[in-house]
């Protein structure tokens, strides 16, 4: 079953963790010095916040797949929605290794579809081109990490 994903940029992580913990009635399941994530079942959402983008507000939206077959189905939906789908296999982002796809909706909001492969000790690694593997290069300048 897919899980909706929202990533919000914040300027004060500790204050934001307090707010969202009270709102969701739960502490984050992952907490780092620049990042926090809640994996909630009601509502079924992967809600993340970070100080990485340097600005407050919506960073990106997404769909998290439980397995590679489910991700392949989401990939097909993305390709029907957009001719510009960026594939990132075994990328490192948000303290996790994932296979993912990126698109932008007509309003310019980045959408990420991903399947998490495991946790890693860093927020993001750089690609061979020196860009963050955390986001599509086309989206990175305005929306991501």
Foldseek 3Di string as FASTA:
>chain_A
DKAKEWEWEDDDVVVVQVVVCVVLVHHFPDDDPFKTWHCDVVVRHTYMYGNVLVDTGTQAIEIEDADPVVLVVVVVVVVVQDVDKDWDQQFAAQQFGWTWIWDAHPVRGIYIYIYTPGGHDDHFDADPVRHTSHDDPVNPVPRHD
